[in-house]
Amino acid sequence: MIQLFRIALAAAWLRLLMVTIHAGQTLGWDKAGDFFFGDMAHPWRAQFNFDFFCMLLLIAVWMVWHAKSRLLGVLFAVLSIMGGCLFTFAYLLVQSFRTKGNMAAVLLGRHYSARGDGQ
């Protein structure tokens, strides 16, 4: 199952990288924020963008909680907000190898205990 997780992360990351490079080369690297915030005038795009932003914030909070140190967690949180899934998927993939495929350890980070009590 962990292999499927890793393959899905890697495939999604590669496809997202390709789409990101295409967007940057086609519309310009400095335009991403203009499109994100400019689309807020359209109700469904605003809903999608706000939903996405809330997910980024949730992942950022998890990164701070998860990391070995608060400082590292804040750095990872900023990178996850600025880089979205390009950073987060790579982070999860690295964590899956670092923890030797132990998904409880991937999800719980510094809160993981091999005893199973989460302390």
PDB file of N, CA and C in Angstrom:
ATOM      1  N   MET A   1       0.810  -1.190   0.000  1.00  0.00           N
ATOM      2  CA  MET A   1       0.000   0.000   0.000  1.00  0.00           C
ATOM      3  C   MET A   1       0.864   1.268   0.000  1.00  0.00           C
ATOM      4  N   ILE A   2       1.976   1.225   0.738  1.00  0.00           N
ATOM      5  CA  ILE A   2       2.856   2.395   0.775  1.00  0.00           C
ATOM      6  C   ILE A   2       3.447   2.677  -0.601  1.00  0.00           C
ATOM      7  N   GLN A   3       3.688   1.615  -1.370  1.00  0.00           N
ATOM      8  CA  GLN A   3       4.216   1.819  -2.726  1.00  0.00           C
ATOM      9  C   GLN A   3       3.207   2.569  -3.588  1.00  0.00           C
ATOM     10  N   LEU A   4       1.927   2.218  -3.456  1.00  0.00           N
ATOM     11  CA  LEU A   4       0.881   2.913  -4.208  1.00  0.00           C
ATOM     12  C   LEU A   4       0.811   4.382  -3.789  1.00  0.00           C
ATOM     13  N   PHE A   5       0.921   4.632  -2.495  1.00  0.00           N
ATOM     14  CA  PHE A   5       0.935   5.997  -1.971  1.00  0.00           C
ATOM     15  C   PHE A   5       2.103   6.787  -2.572  1.00  0.00           C
ATOM     16  N   ARG A   6       3.268   6.191  -2.582  1.00  0.00           N
ATOM     17  CA  ARG A   6       4.460   6.867  -3.118  1.00  0.00           C
ATOM     18  C   ARG A   6       4.334   7.112  -4.617  1.00  0.00           C
ATOM     19  N   ILE A   7       3.821   6.133  -5.348  1.00  0.00           N
ATOM     20  CA  ILE A   7       3.641   6.292  -6.791  1.00  0.00           C
ATOM     21  C   ILE A   7       2.637   7.403  -7.076  1.00  0.00           C
ATOM     22  N   ALA A   8       1.528   7.430  -6.337  1.00  0.00           N
ATOM     23  CA  ALA A   8       0.519   8.475  -6.528  1.00  0.00           C
ATOM     24  C   ALA A   8       1.093   9.856  -6.228  1.00  0.00           C
ATOM     25  N   LEU A   9       1.845   9.976  -5.129  1.00  0.00           N
ATOM     26  CA  LEU A   9       2.472  11.258  -4.797  1.00  0.00           C
ATOM     27  C   LEU A   9       3.440  11.701  -5.887  1.00  0.00           C
ATOM     28  N   ALA A  10       4.290  10.780  -6.320  1.00  0.00           N
ATOM     29  CA  ALA A  10       5.288  11.123  -7.340  1.00  0.00           C
ATOM     30  C   ALA A  10       4.618  11.493  -8.659  1.00  0.00           C
ATOM     31  N   ALA A  11       3.599  10.740  -9.064  1.00  0.00           N
ATOM     32  CA  ALA A  11       2.908  11.024 -10.328  1.00  0.00           C
ATOM     33  C   ALA A  11       2.192  12.376 -10.267  1.00  0.00           C
ATOM     34  N   ALA A  12       1.496  12.630  -9.166  1.00  0.00           N
ATOM     35  CA  ALA A  12       0.802  13.913  -9.017  1.00  0.00           C
ATOM     36  C   ALA A  12       1.806  15.062  -8.973  1.00  0.00           C
ATOM     37  N   TRP A  13       2.925  14.851  -8.269  1.00  0.00           N
ATOM     38  CA  TRP A  13       3.943  15.894  -8.181  1.00  0.00           C
ATOM     39  C   TRP A  13       4.528  16.209  -9.556  1.00  0.00           C
ATOM     40  N   LEU A  14       4.849  15.167 -10.333  1.00  0.00           N
ATOM     41  CA  LEU A  14       5.415  15.390 -11.672  1.00  0.00           C
ATOM     42  C   LEU A  14       4.427  16.099 -12.591  1.00  0.00           C
ATOM     43  N   ARG A  15       3.161  15.681 -12.556  1.00  0.00           N
ATOM     44  CA  ARG A  15       2.152  16.328 -13.407  1.00  0.00           C
ATOM     45  C   ARG A  15       1.952  17.779 -12.982  1.00  0.00           C
ATOM     46  N   LEU A  16       1.892  18.023 -11.697  1.00  0.00           N
ATOM     47  CA  LEU A  16       1.742  19.390 -11.201  1.00  0.00           C
ATOM     48  C   LEU A  16       2.944  20.245 -11.585  1.00  0.00           C
ATOM     49  N   LEU A  17       4.135  19.683 -11.532  1.00  0.00           N
ATOM     50  CA  LEU A  17       5.332  20.407 -11.952  1.00  0.00           C
ATOM     51  C   LEU A  17       5.230  20.797 -13.425  1.00  0.00           C
ATOM     52  N   MET A  18       4.776  19.867 -14.257  1.00  0.00           N
ATOM     53  CA  MET A  18       4.621  20.156 -15.686  1.00  0.00           C
ATOM     54  C   MET A  18       3.601  21.273 -15.916  1.00  0.00           C
ATOM     55  N   VAL A  19       2.459  21.205 -15.231  1.00  0.00           N
ATOM     56  CA  VAL A  19       1.421  22.235 -15.373  1.00  0.00           C
ATOM     57  C   VAL A  19       1.934  23.586 -14.877  1.00  0.00           C
ATOM     58  N   THR A  20       2.685  23.568 -13.777  1.00  0.00           N
ATOM     59  CA  THR A  20       3.239  24.801 -13.217  1.00  0.00           C
ATOM     60  C   THR A  20       4.243  25.438 -14.171  1.00  0.00           C
ATOM     61  N   ILE A  21       5.122  24.642 -14.719  1.00  0.00           N
ATOM     62  CA  ILE A  21       6.109  25.164 -15.674  1.00  0.00           C
ATOM     63  C   ILE A  21       5.409  25.738 -16.897  1.00  0.00           C
ATOM     64  N   HIS A  22       4.408  25.032 -17.401  1.00  0.00           N
ATOM     65  CA  HIS A  22       3.653  25.527 -18.563  1.00  0.00           C
ATOM     66  C   HIS A  22       2.988  26.870 -18.238  1.00  0.00           C
ATOM     67  N   ALA A  23       2.341  26.962 -17.088  1.00  0.00           N
ATOM     68  CA  ALA A  23       1.663  28.210 -16.702  1.00  0.00           C
ATOM     69  C   ALA A  23       2.669  29.347 -16.567  1.00  0.00           C
ATOM     70  N   GLY A  24       3.794  29.066 -15.915  1.00  0.00           N
ATOM     71  CA  GLY A  24       4.806  30.101 -15.727  1.00  0.00           C
ATOM     72  C   GLY A  24       5.390  30.590 -17.037  1.00  0.00           C
ATOM     73  N   GLN A  25       5.662  29.651 -17.941  1.00  0.00           N
ATOM     74  CA  GLN A  25       6.237  30.032 -19.235  1.00  0.00           C
ATOM     75  C   GLN A  25       5.222  30.724 -20.136  1.00  0.00           C
ATOM     76  N   THR A  26       3.965  30.324 -20.023  1.00  0.00           N
ATOM     77  CA  THR A  26       2.930  30.886 -20.893  1.00  0.00           C
ATOM     78  C   THR A  26       2.440  32.245 -20.414  1.00  0.00           C
ATOM     79  N   LEU A  27       2.158  32.370 -19.127  1.00  0.00           N
ATOM     80  CA  LEU A  27       1.549  33.587 -18.598  1.00  0.00           C
ATOM     81  C   LEU A  27       2.505  34.465 -17.799  1.00  0.00           C
ATOM     82  N   GLY A  28       3.646  33.916 -17.424  1.00  0.00           N
ATOM     83  CA  GLY A  28       4.616  34.677 -16.641  1.00  0.00           C
ATOM     84  C   GLY A  28       4.609  34.250 -15.191  1.00  0.00           C
ATOM     85  N   TRP A  29       5.791  34.148 -14.623  1.00  0.00           N
ATOM     86  CA  TRP A  29       5.945  33.675 -13.249  1.00  0.00           C
ATOM     87  C   TRP A  29       5.413  34.665 -12.231  1.00  0.00           C
ATOM     88  N   ASP A  30       5.326  35.915 -12.595  1.00  0.00           N
ATOM     89  CA  ASP A  30       4.856  36.938 -11.653  1.00  0.00           C
ATOM     90  C   ASP A  30       3.341  37.095 -11.650  1.00  0.00           C
ATOM     91  N   LYS A  31       2.621  36.306 -12.426  1.00  0.00           N
ATOM     92  CA  LYS A  31       1.174  36.476 -12.578  1.00  0.00           C
ATOM     93  C   LYS A  31       0.332  35.557 -11.698  1.00  0.00           C
ATOM     94  N   ALA A  32       0.936  34.600 -11.006  1.00  0.00           N
ATOM     95  CA  ALA A  32       0.157  33.619 -10.239  1.00  0.00           C
ATOM     96  C   ALA A  32      -0.766  34.293  -9.225  1.00  0.00           C
ATOM     97  N   GLY A  33      -0.241  35.211  -8.447  1.00  0.00           N
ATOM     98  CA  GLY A  33      -1.059  35.911  -7.456  1.00  0.00           C
ATOM     99  C   GLY A  33      -2.166  36.725  -8.086  1.00  0.00           C
ATOM    100  N   ASP A  34      -1.885  37.340  -9.245  1.00  0.00           N
ATOM    101  CA  ASP A  34      -2.913  38.115  -9.945  1.00  0.00           C
ATOM    102  C   ASP A  34      -4.104  37.230 -10.313  1.00  0.00           C
ATOM    103  N   PHE A  35      -3.824  36.025 -10.784  1.00  0.00           N
ATOM    104  CA  PHE A  35      -4.906  35.122 -11.170  1.00  0.00           C
ATOM    105  C   PHE A  35      -5.648  34.595  -9.945  1.00  0.00           C
ATOM    106  N   PHE A  36      -4.915  34.225  -8.915  1.00  0.00           N
ATOM    107  CA  PHE A  36      -5.546  33.686  -7.706  1.00  0.00           C
ATOM    108  C   PHE A  36      -6.492  34.706  -7.095  1.00  0.00           C
ATOM    109  N   PHE A  37      -5.998  35.928  -6.859  1.00  0.00           N
ATOM    110  CA  PHE A  37      -6.825  36.947  -6.220  1.00  0.00           C
ATOM    111  C   PHE A  37      -7.791  37.606  -7.196  1.00  0.00           C
ATOM    112  N   GLY A  38      -7.407  37.713  -8.467  1.00  0.00           N
ATOM    113  CA  GLY A  38      -8.280  38.310  -9.479  1.00  0.00           C
ATOM    114  C   GLY A  38      -9.521  37.474  -9.740  1.00  0.00           C
ATOM    115  N   ASP A  39      -9.402  36.169  -9.607  1.00  0.00           N
ATOM    116  CA  ASP A  39     -10.540  35.283  -9.841  1.00  0.00           C
ATOM    117  C   ASP A  39     -11.579  35.352  -8.733  1.00  0.00           C
ATOM    118  N   MET A  40     -11.304  36.056  -7.651  1.00  0.00           N
ATOM    119  CA  MET A  40     -12.246  36.122  -6.538  1.00  0.00           C
ATOM    120  C   MET A  40     -13.546  36.847  -6.919  1.00  0.00           C
ATOM    121  N   ALA A  41     -13.534  37.560  -8.041  1.00  0.00           N
ATOM    122  CA  ALA A  41     -14.750  38.238  -8.494  1.00  0.00           C
ATOM    123  C   ALA A  41     -15.783  37.237  -9.024  1.00  0.00           C
ATOM    124  N   HIS A  42     -15.326  36.099  -9.499  1.00  0.00           N
ATOM    125  CA  HIS A  42     -16.231  35.056  -9.988  1.00  0.00           C
ATOM    126  C   HIS A  42     -16.620  34.172  -8.800  1.00  0.00           C
ATOM    127  N   PRO A  43     -17.917  34.029  -8.509  1.00  0.00           N
ATOM    128  CA  PRO A  43     -18.330  33.309  -7.296  1.00  0.00           C
ATOM    129  C   PRO A  43     -17.779  31.884  -7.164  1.00  0.00           C
ATOM    130  N   TRP A  44     -17.789  31.088  -8.219  1.00  0.00           N
ATOM    131  CA  TRP A  44     -17.304  29.712  -8.086  1.00  0.00           C
ATOM    132  C   TRP A  44     -15.789  29.649  -8.005  1.00  0.00           C
ATOM    133  N   ARG A  45     -15.118  30.521  -8.719  1.00  0.00           N
ATOM    134  CA  ARG A  45     -13.657  30.563  -8.592  1.00  0.00           C
ATOM    135  C   ARG A  45     -13.261  31.048  -7.210  1.00  0.00           C
ATOM    136  N   ALA A  46     -14.019  32.002  -6.682  1.00  0.00           N
ATOM    137  CA  ALA A  46     -13.756  32.483  -5.331  1.00  0.00           C
ATOM    138  C   ALA A  46     -13.959  31.352  -4.327  1.00  0.00           C
ATOM    139  N   GLN A  47     -15.017  30.565  -4.519  1.00  0.00           N
ATOM    140  CA  GLN A  47     -15.266  29.439  -3.622  1.00  0.00           C
ATOM    141  C   GLN A  47     -14.124  28.450  -3.697  1.00  0.00           C
ATOM    142  N   PHE A  48     -13.710  28.094  -4.911  1.00  0.00           N
ATOM    143  CA  PHE A  48     -12.614  27.138  -5.096  1.00  0.00           C
ATOM    144  C   PHE A  48     -11.322  27.666  -4.494  1.00  0.00           C
ATOM    145  N   ASN A  49     -10.998  28.918  -4.774  1.00  0.00           N
ATOM    146  CA  ASN A  49      -9.752  29.503  -4.266  1.00  0.00           C
ATOM    147  C   ASN A  49      -9.754  29.610  -2.749  1.00  0.00           C
ATOM    148  N   PHE A  50     -10.895  29.964  -2.171  1.00  0.00           N
ATOM    149  CA  PHE A  50     -10.956  30.054  -0.717  1.00  0.00           C
ATOM    150  C   PHE A  50     -10.865  28.666  -0.083  1.00  0.00           C
ATOM    151  N   ASP A  51     -11.524  27.685  -0.690  1.00  0.00           N
ATOM    152  CA  ASP A  51     -11.438  26.302  -0.224  1.00  0.00           C
ATOM    153  C   ASP A  51      -9.981  25.831  -0.270  1.00  0.00           C
ATOM    154  N   PHE A  52      -9.307  26.111  -1.367  1.00  0.00           N
ATOM    155  CA  PHE A  52      -7.901  25.744  -1.533  1.00  0.00           C
ATOM    156  C   PHE A  52      -7.022  26.436  -0.484  1.00  0.00           C
ATOM    157  N   PHE A  53      -7.280  27.711  -0.253  1.00  0.00           N
ATOM    158  CA  PHE A  53      -6.513  28.463   0.733  1.00  0.00           C
ATOM    159  C   PHE A  53      -6.706  27.886   2.138  1.00  0.00           C
ATOM    160  N   CYS A  54      -7.945  27.504   2.469  1.00  0.00           N
ATOM    161  CA  CYS A  54      -8.202  26.876   3.775  1.00  0.00           C
ATOM    162  C   CYS A  54      -7.441  25.564   3.900  1.00  0.00           C
ATOM    163  N   MET A  55      -7.369  24.788   2.828  1.00  0.00           N
ATOM    164  CA  MET A  55      -6.618  23.535   2.851  1.00  0.00           C
ATOM    165  C   MET A  55      -5.122  23.818   3.053  1.00  0.00           C
ATOM    166  N   LEU A  56      -4.616  24.847   2.398  1.00  0.00           N
ATOM    167  CA  LEU A  56      -3.216  25.220   2.592  1.00  0.00           C
ATOM    168  C   LEU A  56      -2.943  25.604   4.047  1.00  0.00           C
ATOM    169  N   LEU A  57      -3.853  26.339   4.641  1.00  0.00           N
ATOM    170  CA  LEU A  57      -3.682  26.724   6.044  1.00  0.00           C
ATOM    171  C   LEU A  57      -3.730  25.508   6.965  1.00  0.00           C
ATOM    172  N   LEU A  58      -4.626  24.582   6.689  1.00  0.00           N
ATOM    173  CA  LEU A  58      -4.704  23.362   7.491  1.00  0.00           C
ATOM    174  C   LEU A  58      -3.407  22.572   7.403  1.00  0.00           C
ATOM    175  N   ILE A  59      -2.871  22.421   6.206  1.00  0.00           N
ATOM    176  CA  ILE A  59      -1.602  21.712   6.011  1.00  0.00           C
ATOM    177  C   ILE A  59      -0.473  22.465   6.729  1.00  0.00           C
ATOM    178  N   ALA A  60      -0.499  23.788   6.664  1.00  0.00           N
ATOM    179  CA  ALA A  60       0.541  24.584   7.326  1.00  0.00           C
ATOM    180  C   ALA A  60       0.509  24.383   8.839  1.00  0.00           C
ATOM    181  N   VAL A  61      -0.673  24.371   9.413  1.00  0.00           N
ATOM    182  CA  VAL A  61      -0.793  24.134  10.860  1.00  0.00           C
ATOM    183  C   VAL A  61      -0.291  22.730  11.195  1.00  0.00           C
ATOM    184  N   TRP A  62      -0.653  21.748  10.363  1.00  0.00           N
ATOM    185  CA  TRP A  62      -0.176  20.380  10.578  1.00  0.00           C
ATOM    186  C   TRP A  62       1.345  20.320  10.505  1.00  0.00           C
ATOM    187  N   MET A  63       1.940  21.050   9.571  1.00  0.00           N
ATOM    188  CA  MET A  63       3.399  21.047   9.430  1.00  0.00           C
ATOM    189  C   MET A  63       4.066  21.564  10.712  1.00  0.00           C
ATOM    190  N   VAL A  64       3.523  22.634  11.295  1.00  0.00           N
ATOM    191  CA  VAL A  64       4.093  23.171  12.537  1.00  0.00           C
ATOM    192  C   VAL A  64       3.955  22.149  13.654  1.00  0.00           C
ATOM    193  N   TRP A  65       2.787  21.526  13.756  1.00  0.00           N
ATOM    194  CA  TRP A  65       2.529  20.535  14.803  1.00  0.00           C
ATOM    195  C   TRP A  65       3.393  19.290  14.615  1.00  0.00           C
ATOM    196  N   HIS A  66       3.608  18.901  13.380  1.00  0.00           N
ATOM    197  CA  HIS A  66       4.267  17.654  13.012  1.00  0.00           C
ATOM    198  C   HIS A  66       5.790  17.706  13.148  1.00  0.00           C
ATOM    199  N   ALA A  67       6.394  18.833  12.832  1.00  0.00           N
ATOM    200  CA  ALA A  67       7.854  18.944  12.708  1.00  0.00           C
ATOM    201  C   ALA A  67       8.571  18.708  14.035  1.00  0.00           C
ATOM    202  N   LYS A  68       9.834  18.319  13.925  1.00  0.00           N
ATOM    203  CA  LYS A  68      10.652  18.066  15.114  1.00  0.00           C
ATOM    204  C   LYS A  68      10.842  19.318  15.952  1.00  0.00           C
ATOM    205  N   SER A  69      10.914  20.478  15.310  1.00  0.00           N
ATOM    206  CA  SER A  69      11.048  21.739  16.041  1.00  0.00           C
ATOM    207  C   SER A  69      10.037  22.744  15.486  1.00  0.00           C
ATOM    208  N   ARG A  70       9.627  23.667  16.327  1.00  0.00           N
ATOM    209  CA  ARG A  70       8.662  24.693  15.892  1.00  0.00           C
ATOM    210  C   ARG A  70       9.243  25.550  14.763  1.00  0.00           C
ATOM    211  N   LEU A  71      10.521  25.899  14.864  1.00  0.00           N
ATOM    212  CA  LEU A  71      11.154  26.722  13.844  1.00  0.00           C
ATOM    213  C   LEU A  71      11.130  26.011  12.491  1.00  0.00           C
ATOM    214  N   LEU A  72      11.498  24.756  12.478  1.00  0.00           N
ATOM    215  CA  LEU A  72      11.447  23.967  11.246  1.00  0.00           C
ATOM    216  C   LEU A  72      10.013  23.846  10.763  1.00  0.00           C
ATOM    217  N   GLY A  73       9.088  23.672  11.686  1.00  0.00           N
ATOM    218  CA  GLY A  73       7.676  23.582  11.333  1.00  0.00           C
ATOM    219  C   GLY A  73       7.164  24.846  10.673  1.00  0.00           C
ATOM    220  N   VAL A  74       7.573  25.996  11.199  1.00  0.00           N
ATOM    221  CA  VAL A  74       7.159  27.272  10.602  1.00  0.00           C
ATOM    222  C   VAL A  74       7.751  27.405   9.190  1.00  0.00           C
ATOM    223  N   LEU A  75       9.005  27.022   9.031  1.00  0.00           N
ATOM    224  CA  LEU A  75       9.621  27.046   7.704  1.00  0.00           C
ATOM    225  C   LEU A  75       8.846  26.151   6.737  1.00  0.00           C
ATOM    226  N   PHE A  76       8.540  24.928   7.156  1.00  0.00           N
ATOM    227  CA  PHE A  76       7.772  24.006   6.318  1.00  0.00           C
ATOM    228  C   PHE A  76       6.372  24.550   6.040  1.00  0.00           C
ATOM    229  N   ALA A  77       5.761  25.201   7.023  1.00  0.00           N
ATOM    230  CA  ALA A  77       4.426  25.780   6.837  1.00  0.00           C
ATOM    231  C   ALA A  77       4.446  26.858   5.756  1.00  0.00           C
ATOM    232  N   VAL A  78       5.439  27.729   5.823  1.00  0.00           N
ATOM    233  CA  VAL A  78       5.561  28.793   4.811  1.00  0.00           C
ATOM    234  C   VAL A  78       5.793  28.174   3.432  1.00  0.00           C
ATOM    235  N   LEU A  79       6.660  27.180   3.374  1.00  0.00           N
ATOM    236  CA  LEU A  79       6.918  26.521   2.089  1.00  0.00           C
ATOM    237  C   LEU A  79       5.676  25.811   1.553  1.00  0.00           C
ATOM    238  N   SER A  80       4.886  25.240   2.445  1.00  0.00           N
ATOM    239  CA  SER A  80       3.679  24.551   1.979  1.00  0.00           C
ATOM    240  C   SER A  80       2.628  25.540   1.489  1.00  0.00           C
ATOM    241  N   ILE A  81       2.529  26.704   2.128  1.00  0.00           N
ATOM    242  CA  ILE A  81       1.582  27.719   1.647  1.00  0.00           C
ATOM    243  C   ILE A  81       2.049  28.304   0.321  1.00  0.00           C
ATOM    244  N   MET A  82       3.341  28.629   0.236  1.00  0.00           N
ATOM    245  CA  MET A  82       3.866  29.240  -0.995  1.00  0.00           C
ATOM    246  C   MET A  82       4.011  28.230  -2.139  1.00  0.00           C
ATOM    247  N   GLY A  83       4.352  26.992  -1.787  1.00  0.00           N
ATOM    248  CA  GLY A  83       4.593  25.987  -2.822  1.00  0.00           C
ATOM    249  C   GLY A  83       3.454  25.020  -3.049  1.00  0.00           C
ATOM    250  N   GLY A  84       2.446  25.062  -2.187  1.00  0.00           N
ATOM    251  CA  GLY A  84       1.305  24.168  -2.354  1.00  0.00           C
ATOM    252  C   GLY A  84       1.736  22.707  -2.387  1.00  0.00           C
ATOM    253  N   CYS A  85       1.135  21.965  -3.280  1.00  0.00           N
ATOM    254  CA  CYS A  85       1.432  20.533  -3.380  1.00  0.00           C
ATOM    255  C   CYS A  85       2.823  20.262  -3.935  1.00  0.00           C
ATOM    256  N   LEU A  86       3.411  21.214  -4.643  1.00  0.00           N
ATOM    257  CA  LEU A  86       4.783  20.989  -5.113  1.00  0.00           C
ATOM    258  C   LEU A  86       5.714  20.761  -3.933  1.00  0.00           C
ATOM    259  N   PHE A  87       5.499  21.486  -2.843  1.00  0.00           N
ATOM    260  CA  PHE A  87       6.301  21.255  -1.649  1.00  0.00           C
ATOM    261  C   PHE A  87       5.727  20.114  -0.812  1.00  0.00           C
ATOM    262  N   THR A  88       4.424  20.152  -0.562  1.00  0.00           N
ATOM    263  CA  THR A  88       3.800  19.202   0.365  1.00  0.00           C
ATOM    264  C   THR A  88       3.927  17.761  -0.102  1.00  0.00           C
ATOM    265  N   PHE A  89       3.720  17.495  -1.384  1.00  0.00           N
ATOM    266  CA  PHE A  89       3.847  16.123  -1.884  1.00  0.00           C
ATOM    267  C   PHE A  89       5.288  15.631  -1.774  1.00  0.00           C
ATOM    268  N   ALA A  90       6.246  16.496  -2.084  1.00  0.00           N
ATOM    269  CA  ALA A  90       7.653  16.112  -1.946  1.00  0.00           C
ATOM    270  C   ALA A  90       7.978  15.843  -0.479  1.00  0.00           C
ATOM    271  N   TYR A  91       7.469  16.671   0.410  1.00  0.00           N
ATOM    272  CA  TYR A  91       7.675  16.492   1.852  1.00  0.00           C
ATOM    273  C   TYR A  91       7.123  15.143   2.311  1.00  0.00           C
ATOM    274  N   LEU A  92       5.898  14.826   1.908  1.00  0.00           N
ATOM    275  CA  LEU A  92       5.285  13.555   2.294  1.00  0.00           C
ATOM    276  C   LEU A  92       6.044  12.363   1.716  1.00  0.00           C
ATOM    277  N   LEU A  93       6.520  12.495   0.493  1.00  0.00           N
ATOM    278  CA  LEU A  93       7.287  11.410  -0.126  1.00  0.00           C
ATOM    279  C   LEU A  93       8.583  11.164   0.651  1.00  0.00           C
ATOM    280  N   VAL A  94       9.297  12.232   0.985  1.00  0.00           N
ATOM    281  CA  VAL A  94      10.517  12.102   1.776  1.00  0.00           C
ATOM    282  C   VAL A  94      10.200  11.482   3.131  1.00  0.00           C
ATOM    283  N   GLN A  95       9.121  11.948   3.770  1.00  0.00           N
ATOM    284  CA  GLN A  95       8.745  11.402   5.082  1.00  0.00           C
ATOM    285  C   GLN A  95       8.410   9.909   4.992  1.00  0.00           C
ATOM    286  N   SER A  96       7.802   9.488   3.886  1.00  0.00           N
ATOM    287  CA  SER A  96       7.458   8.071   3.744  1.00  0.00           C
ATOM    288  C   SER A  96       8.711   7.200   3.688  1.00  0.00           C
ATOM    289  N   PHE A  97       9.777   7.718   3.105  1.00  0.00           N
ATOM    290  CA  PHE A  97      11.039   6.970   3.088  1.00  0.00           C
ATOM    291  C   PHE A  97      11.770   7.101   4.426  1.00  0.00           C
ATOM    292  N   ARG A  98      11.741   8.297   5.001  1.00  0.00           N
ATOM    293  CA  ARG A  98      12.428   8.529   6.274  1.00  0.00           C
ATOM    294  C   ARG A  98      11.872   7.632   7.373  1.00  0.00           C
ATOM    295  N   THR A  99      10.559   7.409   7.342  1.00  0.00           N
ATOM    296  CA  THR A  99       9.914   6.585   8.366  1.00  0.00           C
ATOM    297  C   THR A  99       9.778   5.122   7.942  1.00  0.00           C
ATOM    298  N   LYS A 100      10.434   4.770   6.823  1.00  0.00           N
ATOM    299  CA  LYS A 100      10.397   3.393   6.309  1.00  0.00           C
ATOM    300  C   LYS A 100       8.967   2.905   6.056  1.00  0.00           C
ATOM    301  N   GLY A 101       8.127   3.817   5.569  1.00  0.00           N
ATOM    302  CA  GLY A 101       6.763   3.456   5.203  1.00  0.00           C
ATOM    303  C   GLY A 101       5.775   3.385   6.348  1.00  0.00           C
ATOM    304  N   ASN A 102       6.161   3.794   7.517  1.00  0.00           N
ATOM    305  CA  ASN A 102       5.263   3.767   8.671  1.00  0.00           C
ATOM    306  C   ASN A 102       4.343   4.993   8.593  1.00  0.00           C
ATOM    307  N   MET A 103       3.106   4.776   8.151  1.00  0.00           N
ATOM    308  CA  MET A 103       2.193   5.903   7.933  1.00  0.00           C
ATOM    309  C   MET A 103       1.805   6.601   9.234  1.00  0.00           C
ATOM    310  N   ALA A 104       1.748   5.873  10.331  1.00  0.00           N
ATOM    311  CA  ALA A 104       1.467   6.522  11.617  1.00  0.00           C
ATOM    312  C   ALA A 104       2.575   7.522  11.936  1.00  0.00           C
ATOM    313  N   ALA A 105       3.814   7.135  11.682  1.00  0.00           N
ATOM    314  CA  ALA A 105       4.947   8.037  11.923  1.00  0.00           C
ATOM    315  C   ALA A 105       4.929   9.206  10.940  1.00  0.00           C
ATOM    316  N   VAL A 106       4.523   8.952   9.692  1.00  0.00           N
ATOM    317  CA  VAL A 106       4.423  10.032   8.703  1.00  0.00           C
ATOM    318  C   VAL A 106       3.406  11.068   9.177  1.00  0.00           C
ATOM    319  N   LEU A 107       2.251  10.609   9.616  1.00  0.00           N
ATOM    320  CA  LEU A 107       1.178  11.525   9.994  1.00  0.00           C
ATOM    321  C   LEU A 107       1.403  12.207  11.342  1.00  0.00           C
ATOM    322  N   LEU A 108       1.984  11.493  12.292  1.00  0.00           N
ATOM    323  CA  LEU A 108       2.128  12.034  13.642  1.00  0.00           C
ATOM    324  C   LEU A 108       3.446  12.755  13.884  1.00  0.00           C
ATOM    325  N   GLY A 109       4.461  12.498  13.057  1.00  0.00           N
ATOM    326  CA  GLY A 109       5.736  13.186  13.207  1.00  0.00           C
ATOM    327  C   GLY A 109       6.324  13.029  14.591  1.00  0.00           C
ATOM    328  N   ARG A 110       6.684  14.146  15.227  1.00  0.00           N
ATOM    329  CA  ARG A 110       7.330  14.090  16.541  1.00  0.00           C
ATOM    330  C   ARG A 110       6.413  13.550  17.630  1.00  0.00           C
ATOM    331  N   HIS A 111       5.134  13.447  17.346  1.00  0.00           N
ATOM    332  CA  HIS A 111       4.179  12.924  18.324  1.00  0.00           C
ATOM    333  C   HIS A 111       4.036  11.406  18.241  1.00  0.00           C
ATOM    334  N   TYR A 112       4.721  10.805  17.278  1.00  0.00           N
ATOM    335  CA  TYR A 112       4.620   9.354  17.101  1.00  0.00           C
ATOM    336  C   TYR A 112       5.402   8.630  18.188  1.00  0.00           C
ATOM    337  N   SER A 113       4.820   7.576  18.681  1.00  0.00           N
ATOM    338  CA  SER A 113       5.490   6.716  19.633  1.00  0.00           C
ATOM    339  C   SER A 113       5.311   5.275  19.154  1.00  0.00           C
ATOM    340  N   ALA A 114       6.383   4.533  19.124  1.00  0.00           N
ATOM    341  CA  ALA A 114       6.297   3.131  18.704  1.00  0.00           C
ATOM    342  C   ALA A 114       5.427   2.315  19.654  1.00  0.00           C
ATOM    343  N   ARG A 115       5.198   2.847  20.856  1.00  0.00           N
ATOM    344  CA  ARG A 115       4.339   2.157  21.819  1.00  0.00           C
ATOM    345  C   ARG A 115       2.886   2.171  21.381  1.00  0.00           C
ATOM    346  N   GLY A 116       2.540   3.125  20.493  1.00  0.00           N
ATOM    347  CA  GLY A 116       1.171   3.194  19.994  1.00  0.00           C
ATOM    348  C   GLY A 116       0.258   4.103  20.787  1.00  0.00           C
ATOM    349  N   ASP A 117       0.773   4.778  21.801  1.00  0.00           N
ATOM    350  CA  ASP A 117      -0.091   5.648  22.609  1.00  0.00           C
ATOM    351  C   ASP A 117      -0.019   7.115  22.173  1.00  0.00           C
ATOM    352  N   GLY A 118       0.775   7.414  21.122  1.00  0.00           N
ATOM    353  CA  GLY A 118       0.854   8.772  20.597  1.00  0.00           C
ATOM    354  C   GLY A 118       1.632   9.753  21.459  1.00  0.00           C
ATOM    355  N   GLN A 119       2.246   9.280  22.536  1.00  0.00           N
ATOM    356  CA  GLN A 119       2.981  10.182  23.431  1.00  0.00           C
ATOM    357  C   GLN A 119       4.474  10.035  23.257  1.00  0.00           C
TER     358      GLN A 119
END
